[in-house]
Amino acid sequence: MTKSMAFTGKQATSKSNRRTFMIGLGATGLLSACGNGVQGQGGERIDARADASLNYLFETFPNTQDIRDKSVGMLVMPLVTEAGFGLGGSYGRGALRVNGATVDYYSAAQASFGLQIGAQQYAHVLFFMTDNALQTFRTSLGWAAGADIEYALREQGGNISAETTTSLSPVIAVVFGQAGLIAGATVEGTKYTRIIP
């Protein structure tokens, strides 16, 4: 009788351990599903999207190559999704490139308030024109785009001007989508955070 009870106690303990193990395994799976997307092939996916976005930008708007050539680095955000119904926001992931190579991955997030319904997707590139601007961006725990960013396309529309490409502004932004450059678009208030793989 005592042996039987002891055996039943071991079985109960064994079942309890298995249940705890399975719960722990499930929680680990959930946490990994909530990862930043850079683990595994996430970085390769971001780089492939960044390459495609840059190819589109430079082929469709050749003057942007002049900005690229004068910059010391560029943050390529190939796909930012913006959605809202009253309260909204946007999110995307991209790659920071220096001398043509990816050195870090970043997320971009922005919250927005007001009367808005719907969703849109767009891409943008931040060109860092000075070493100081690039260094400030890289050492910041969460860099927020301010009103001092210059845009390659003014609200009046039209092509990128020579004035823009010779600007002394430390950061120049180009915002574009499938339909081309987006006039009047802004990244002001967007917070960029480095993603650690």
C-alpha atoms as a PDB file:
ATOM      1  CA  MET A   1       0.000   0.000   0.000  1.00  0.00           C
ATOM      2  CA  THR A   2       2.781   2.344   0.915  1.00  0.00           C
ATOM      3  CA  LYS A   3       4.706   1.400  -2.244  1.00  0.00           C
ATOM      4  CA  SER A   4       1.593   2.032  -4.336  1.00  0.00           C
ATOM      5  CA  MET A   5       1.058   5.446  -2.736  1.00  0.00           C
ATOM      6  CA  ALA A   6       4.695   6.347  -3.204  1.00  0.00           C
ATOM      7  CA  PHE A   7       4.473   5.313  -6.859  1.00  0.00           C
ATOM      8  CA  THR A   8       1.330   7.422  -7.314  1.00  0.00           C
ATOM      9  CA  GLY A   9       3.146  10.373  -5.710  1.00  0.00           C
ATOM     10  CA  LYS A  10       6.011   9.969  -8.185  1.00  0.00           C
ATOM     11  CA  GLN A  11       3.532   9.829 -11.064  1.00  0.00           C
ATOM     12  CA  ALA A  12       1.846  13.020  -9.849  1.00  0.00           C
ATOM     13  CA  THR A  13       5.207  14.741  -9.513  1.00  0.00           C
ATOM     14  CA  SER A  14       6.197  13.536 -12.983  1.00  0.00           C
ATOM     15  CA  LYS A  15       2.933  14.825 -14.507  1.00  0.00           C
ATOM     16  CA  SER A  16       3.382  18.134 -12.716  1.00  0.00           C
ATOM     17  CA  ASN A  17       6.936  18.464 -14.044  1.00  0.00           C
ATOM     18  CA  ARG A  18       5.776  17.642 -17.580  1.00  0.00           C
ATOM     19  CA  ARG A  19       2.965  20.207 -17.332  1.00  0.00           C
ATOM     20  CA  THR A  20       5.396  22.856 -16.059  1.00  0.00           C
ATOM     21  CA  PHE A  21       7.820  21.969 -18.868  1.00  0.00           C
ATOM     22  CA  MET A  22       5.068  22.251 -21.526  1.00  0.00           C
ATOM     23  CA  ILE A  23       3.866  25.583 -20.141  1.00  0.00           C
ATOM     24  CA  GLY A  24       7.438  26.853 -20.130  1.00  0.00           C
ATOM     25  CA  LEU A  25       7.934  25.598 -23.687  1.00  0.00           C
ATOM     26  CA  GLY A  26       4.736  27.349 -24.810  1.00  0.00           C
ATOM     27  CA  ALA A  27       5.778  30.607 -23.149  1.00  0.00           C
ATOM     28  CA  THR A  28       9.178  30.402 -24.835  1.00  0.00           C
ATOM     29  CA  GLY A  29       7.441  29.922 -28.177  1.00  0.00           C
ATOM     30  CA  LEU A  30       5.235  32.942 -27.578  1.00  0.00           C
ATOM     31  CA  LEU A  31       8.193  35.105 -26.586  1.00  0.00           C
ATOM     32  CA  SER A  32      10.175  34.061 -29.646  1.00  0.00           C
ATOM     33  CA  ALA A  33       7.172  34.846 -31.834  1.00  0.00           C
ATOM     34  CA  CYS A  34       7.214  38.350 -30.391  1.00  0.00           C
ATOM     35  CA  GLY A  35      10.885  38.793 -31.328  1.00  0.00           C
ATOM     36  CA  ASN A  36      12.132  41.789 -33.242  1.00  0.00           C
ATOM     37  CA  GLY A  37      12.258  39.900 -36.537  1.00  0.00           C
ATOM     38  CA  VAL A  38      16.017  40.134 -36.959  1.00  0.00           C
ATOM     39  CA  GLN A  39      16.744  36.672 -35.565  1.00  0.00           C
ATOM     40  CA  GLY A  40      17.272  33.956 -38.136  1.00  0.00           C
ATOM     41  CA  GLN A  41      16.762  35.331 -41.610  1.00  0.00           C
ATOM     42  CA  GLY A  42      15.081  38.561 -40.476  1.00  0.00           C
ATOM     43  CA  GLY A  43      18.202  40.619 -41.193  1.00  0.00           C
ATOM     44  CA  GLU A  44      18.492  39.121 -44.664  1.00  0.00           C
ATOM     45  CA  ARG A  45      14.840  39.967 -45.351  1.00  0.00           C
ATOM     46  CA  ILE A  46      15.306  43.568 -44.221  1.00  0.00           C
ATOM     47  CA  ASP A  47      18.453  43.909 -46.356  1.00  0.00           C
ATOM     48  CA  ALA A  48      16.692  42.496 -49.422  1.00  0.00           C
ATOM     49  CA  ARG A  49      13.807  44.949 -48.993  1.00  0.00           C
ATOM     50  CA  ALA A  50      16.253  47.812 -48.432  1.00  0.00           C
ATOM     51  CA  ASP A  51      18.119  46.900 -51.646  1.00  0.00           C
ATOM     52  CA  ALA A  52      14.870  46.825 -53.634  1.00  0.00           C
ATOM     53  CA  SER A  53      13.750  50.197 -52.217  1.00  0.00           C
ATOM     54  CA  LEU A  54      17.095  51.846 -52.968  1.00  0.00           C
ATOM     55  CA  ASN A  55      17.128  50.447 -56.516  1.00  0.00           C
ATOM     56  CA  TYR A  56      13.648  51.861 -57.095  1.00  0.00           C
ATOM     57  CA  LEU A  57      14.579  55.234 -55.606  1.00  0.00           C
ATOM     58  CA  PHE A  58      17.832  55.681 -57.515  1.00  0.00           C
ATOM     59  CA  GLU A  59      16.426  54.477 -60.841  1.00  0.00           C
ATOM     60  CA  THR A  60      13.203  56.472 -60.627  1.00  0.00           C
ATOM     61  CA  PHE A  61      14.752  59.627 -59.153  1.00  0.00           C
ATOM     62  CA  PRO A  62      18.405  59.728 -60.305  1.00  0.00           C
ATOM     63  CA  ASN A  63      19.083  63.026 -58.489  1.00  0.00           C
ATOM     64  CA  THR A  64      18.857  61.137 -55.190  1.00  0.00           C
ATOM     65  CA  GLN A  65      22.120  59.427 -56.118  1.00  0.00           C
ATOM     66  CA  ASP A  66      23.818  62.778 -55.628  1.00  0.00           C
ATOM     67  CA  ILE A  67      22.485  62.928 -52.061  1.00  0.00           C
ATOM     68  CA  ARG A  68      23.664  59.355 -51.479  1.00  0.00           C
ATOM     69  CA  ASP A  69      27.155  60.142 -52.777  1.00  0.00           C
ATOM     70  CA  LYS A  70      27.489  63.144 -50.459  1.00  0.00           C
ATOM     71  CA  SER A  71      26.115  61.373 -47.395  1.00  0.00           C
ATOM     72  CA  VAL A  72      28.183  59.544 -44.761  1.00  0.00           C
ATOM     73  CA  GLY A  73      25.401  57.049 -44.060  1.00  0.00           C
ATOM     74  CA  MET A  74      21.759  56.352 -44.722  1.00  0.00           C
ATOM     75  CA  LEU A  75      18.905  54.717 -42.868  1.00  0.00           C
ATOM     76  CA  VAL A  76      16.706  52.795 -45.295  1.00  0.00           C
ATOM     77  CA  MET A  77      13.170  52.084 -44.090  1.00  0.00           C
ATOM     78  CA  PRO A  78      11.763  50.002 -46.964  1.00  0.00           C
ATOM     79  CA  LEU A  79       8.274  49.454 -45.613  1.00  0.00           C
ATOM     80  CA  VAL A  80       6.470  51.536 -43.016  1.00  0.00           C
ATOM     81  CA  THR A  81       2.821  50.742 -42.400  1.00  0.00           C
ATOM     82  CA  GLU A  82       0.614  53.492 -41.069  1.00  0.00           C
ATOM     83  CA  ALA A  83      -2.900  52.756 -39.883  1.00  0.00           C
ATOM     84  CA  GLY A  84      -5.473  54.365 -37.676  1.00  0.00           C
ATOM     85  CA  PHE A  85      -9.048  54.855 -36.672  1.00  0.00           C
ATOM     86  CA  GLY A  86      -9.031  58.003 -34.521  1.00  0.00           C
ATOM     87  CA  LEU A  87      -5.838  56.916 -32.794  1.00  0.00           C
ATOM     88  CA  GLY A  88      -3.182  55.600 -35.117  1.00  0.00           C
ATOM     89  CA  GLY A  89       0.436  54.882 -35.592  1.00  0.00           C
ATOM     90  CA  SER A  90       3.085  53.563 -37.895  1.00  0.00           C
ATOM     91  CA  TYR A  91       5.765  50.920 -37.657  1.00  0.00           C
ATOM     92  CA  GLY A  92       8.549  49.606 -39.845  1.00  0.00           C
ATOM     93  CA  ARG A  93      12.021  48.087 -39.770  1.00  0.00           C
ATOM     94  CA  GLY A  94      15.074  49.053 -41.745  1.00  0.00           C
ATOM     95  CA  ALA A  95      18.827  49.005 -42.142  1.00  0.00           C
ATOM     96  CA  LEU A  96      21.488  51.594 -41.407  1.00  0.00           C
ATOM     97  CA  ARG A  97      24.105  51.581 -44.145  1.00  0.00           C
ATOM     98  CA  VAL A  98      27.573  53.087 -43.942  1.00  0.00           C
ATOM     99  CA  ASN A  99      29.900  52.795 -46.953  1.00  0.00           C
ATOM    100  CA  GLY A 100      27.302  50.606 -48.650  1.00  0.00           C
ATOM    101  CA  ALA A 101      27.212  47.968 -45.878  1.00  0.00           C
ATOM    102  CA  THR A 102      24.573  47.361 -43.217  1.00  0.00           C
ATOM    103  CA  VAL A 103      25.956  48.193 -39.766  1.00  0.00           C
ATOM    104  CA  ASP A 104      22.751  48.069 -37.686  1.00  0.00           C
ATOM    105  CA  TYR A 105      19.021  47.418 -37.902  1.00  0.00           C
ATOM    106  CA  TYR A 106      16.398  49.860 -36.654  1.00  0.00           C
ATOM    107  CA  SER A 107      12.681  50.030 -36.027  1.00  0.00           C
ATOM    108  CA  ALA A 108      10.652  53.159 -36.669  1.00  0.00           C
ATOM    109  CA  ALA A 109       7.486  53.887 -34.702  1.00  0.00           C
ATOM    110  CA  GLN A 110       5.167  56.850 -34.538  1.00  0.00           C
ATOM    111  CA  ALA A 111       1.891  57.438 -32.729  1.00  0.00           C
ATOM    112  CA  SER A 112      -0.666  59.804 -34.179  1.00  0.00           C
ATOM    113  CA  PHE A 113      -3.890  61.325 -32.905  1.00  0.00           C
ATOM    114  CA  GLY A 114      -6.785  62.993 -34.632  1.00  0.00           C
ATOM    115  CA  LEU A 115      -9.456  62.247 -37.190  1.00  0.00           C
ATOM    116  CA  GLN A 116      -7.996  59.538 -39.391  1.00  0.00           C
ATOM    117  CA  ILE A 117      -9.310  56.380 -40.944  1.00  0.00           C
ATOM    118  CA  GLY A 118      -7.469  53.945 -43.150  1.00  0.00           C
ATOM    119  CA  ALA A 119      -3.988  52.668 -43.809  1.00  0.00           C
ATOM    120  CA  GLN A 120      -1.092  53.363 -46.109  1.00  0.00           C
ATOM    121  CA  GLN A 121       2.391  52.035 -46.708  1.00  0.00           C
ATOM    122  CA  TYR A 122       5.439  54.010 -47.686  1.00  0.00           C
ATOM    123  CA  ALA A 123       9.216  53.940 -47.575  1.00  0.00           C
ATOM    124  CA  HIS A 124      11.755  56.541 -46.596  1.00  0.00           C
ATOM    125  CA  VAL A 125      15.477  57.079 -46.458  1.00  0.00           C
ATOM    126  CA  LEU A 126      17.286  59.354 -44.023  1.00  0.00           C
ATOM    127  CA  PHE A 127      20.576  60.576 -45.484  1.00  0.00           C
ATOM    128  CA  PHE A 128      23.082  61.632 -42.839  1.00  0.00           C
ATOM    129  CA  MET A 129      25.159  64.394 -44.377  1.00  0.00           C
ATOM    130  CA  THR A 130      27.657  64.901 -41.547  1.00  0.00           C
ATOM    131  CA  ASP A 131      29.692  62.564 -39.356  1.00  0.00           C
ATOM    132  CA  ASN A 132      28.290  64.310 -36.288  1.00  0.00           C
ATOM    133  CA  ALA A 133      24.669  63.695 -37.351  1.00  0.00           C
ATOM    134  CA  LEU A 134      25.413  60.020 -37.991  1.00  0.00           C
ATOM    135  CA  GLN A 135      27.253  59.626 -34.681  1.00  0.00           C
ATOM    136  CA  THR A 136      24.427  61.299 -32.753  1.00  0.00           C
ATOM    137  CA  PHE A 137      21.929  58.953 -34.377  1.00  0.00           C
ATOM    138  CA  ARG A 138      23.988  55.826 -33.649  1.00  0.00           C
ATOM    139  CA  THR A 139      24.719  56.637 -30.005  1.00  0.00           C
ATOM    140  CA  SER A 140      21.169  57.676 -29.154  1.00  0.00           C
ATOM    141  CA  LEU A 141      19.011  55.200 -27.228  1.00  0.00           C
ATOM    142  CA  GLY A 142      15.963  56.335 -29.168  1.00  0.00           C
ATOM    143  CA  TRP A 143      16.459  59.018 -31.808  1.00  0.00           C
ATOM    144  CA  ALA A 144      13.370  61.051 -32.658  1.00  0.00           C
ATOM    145  CA  ALA A 145      13.039  62.866 -35.965  1.00  0.00           C
ATOM    146  CA  GLY A 146      12.603  66.583 -35.335  1.00  0.00           C
ATOM    147  CA  ALA A 147      11.420  69.551 -37.329  1.00  0.00           C
ATOM    148  CA  ASP A 148      14.998  70.300 -38.427  1.00  0.00           C
ATOM    149  CA  ILE A 149      15.085  67.487 -40.997  1.00  0.00           C
ATOM    150  CA  GLU A 150      15.152  68.754 -44.562  1.00  0.00           C
ATOM    151  CA  TYR A 151      13.008  66.987 -47.138  1.00  0.00           C
ATOM    152  CA  ALA A 152      14.187  66.355 -50.661  1.00  0.00           C
ATOM    153  CA  LEU A 153      10.746  67.167 -52.005  1.00  0.00           C
ATOM    154  CA  ARG A 154       9.005  70.308 -50.875  1.00  0.00           C
ATOM    155  CA  GLU A 155       5.252  70.528 -50.380  1.00  0.00           C
ATOM    156  CA  GLN A 156       4.919  72.375 -53.689  1.00  0.00           C
ATOM    157  CA  GLY A 157       5.917  69.169 -55.487  1.00  0.00           C
ATOM    158  CA  GLY A 158       8.255  68.982 -58.415  1.00  0.00           C
ATOM    159  CA  ASN A 159      11.615  67.333 -58.800  1.00  0.00           C
ATOM    160  CA  ILE A 160      14.436  67.192 -56.323  1.00  0.00           C
ATOM    161  CA  SER A 161      16.349  70.413 -56.795  1.00  0.00           C
ATOM    162  CA  ALA A 162      20.060  71.033 -56.992  1.00  0.00           C
ATOM    163  CA  GLU A 163      19.614  73.218 -53.908  1.00  0.00           C
ATOM    164  CA  THR A 164      18.522  70.171 -51.929  1.00  0.00           C
ATOM    165  CA  THR A 165      21.457  68.059 -53.027  1.00  0.00           C
ATOM    166  CA  THR A 166      23.954  70.762 -52.047  1.00  0.00           C
ATOM    167  CA  SER A 167      22.235  71.511 -48.762  1.00  0.00           C
ATOM    168  CA  LEU A 168      24.204  71.809 -45.538  1.00  0.00           C
ATOM    169  CA  SER A 169      21.386  70.234 -43.574  1.00  0.00           C
ATOM    170  CA  PRO A 170      22.716  67.403 -41.360  1.00  0.00           C
ATOM    171  CA  VAL A 171      19.832  65.050 -42.262  1.00  0.00           C
ATOM    172  CA  ILE A 172      17.861  64.897 -45.518  1.00  0.00           C
ATOM    173  CA  ALA A 173      14.764  62.713 -45.792  1.00  0.00           C
ATOM    174  CA  VAL A 174      13.249  61.249 -48.937  1.00  0.00           C
ATOM    175  CA  VAL A 175       9.754  59.801 -48.463  1.00  0.00           C
ATOM    176  CA  PHE A 176       8.349  57.732 -51.288  1.00  0.00           C
ATOM    177  CA  GLY A 177       5.796  55.074 -52.104  1.00  0.00           C
ATOM    178  CA  GLN A 178       4.722  52.956 -55.028  1.00  0.00           C
ATOM    179  CA  ALA A 179       3.303  56.051 -56.689  1.00  0.00           C
ATOM    180  CA  GLY A 180       6.608  57.937 -56.338  1.00  0.00           C
ATOM    181  CA  LEU A 181       7.822  60.680 -54.056  1.00  0.00           C
ATOM    182  CA  ILE A 182       5.241  61.799 -51.527  1.00  0.00           C
ATOM    183  CA  ALA A 183       4.900  65.573 -51.395  1.00  0.00           C
ATOM    184  CA  GLY A 184       4.246  67.019 -47.960  1.00  0.00           C
ATOM    185  CA  ALA A 185       5.011  63.732 -46.191  1.00  0.00           C
ATOM    186  CA  THR A 186       6.859  63.969 -42.904  1.00  0.00           C
ATOM    187  CA  VAL A 187       8.761  61.695 -40.569  1.00  0.00           C
ATOM    188  CA  GLU A 188       8.690  64.250 -37.767  1.00  0.00           C
ATOM    189  CA  GLY A 189       7.923  62.565 -34.456  1.00  0.00           C
ATOM    190  CA  THR A 190       9.053  59.146 -35.664  1.00  0.00           C
ATOM    191  CA  LYS A 191      11.230  57.387 -33.091  1.00  0.00           C
ATOM    192  CA  TYR A 192      14.044  55.173 -34.354  1.00  0.00           C
ATOM    193  CA  THR A 193      15.358  52.460 -32.079  1.00  0.00           C
ATOM    194  CA  ARG A 194      18.239  50.111 -32.771  1.00  0.00           C
ATOM    195  CA  ILE A 195      17.239  46.460 -32.908  1.00  0.00           C
ATOM    196  CA  ILE A 196      19.792  44.120 -31.365  1.00  0.00           C
ATOM    197  CA  PRO A 197      19.703  40.690 -33.082  1.00  0.00           C
END
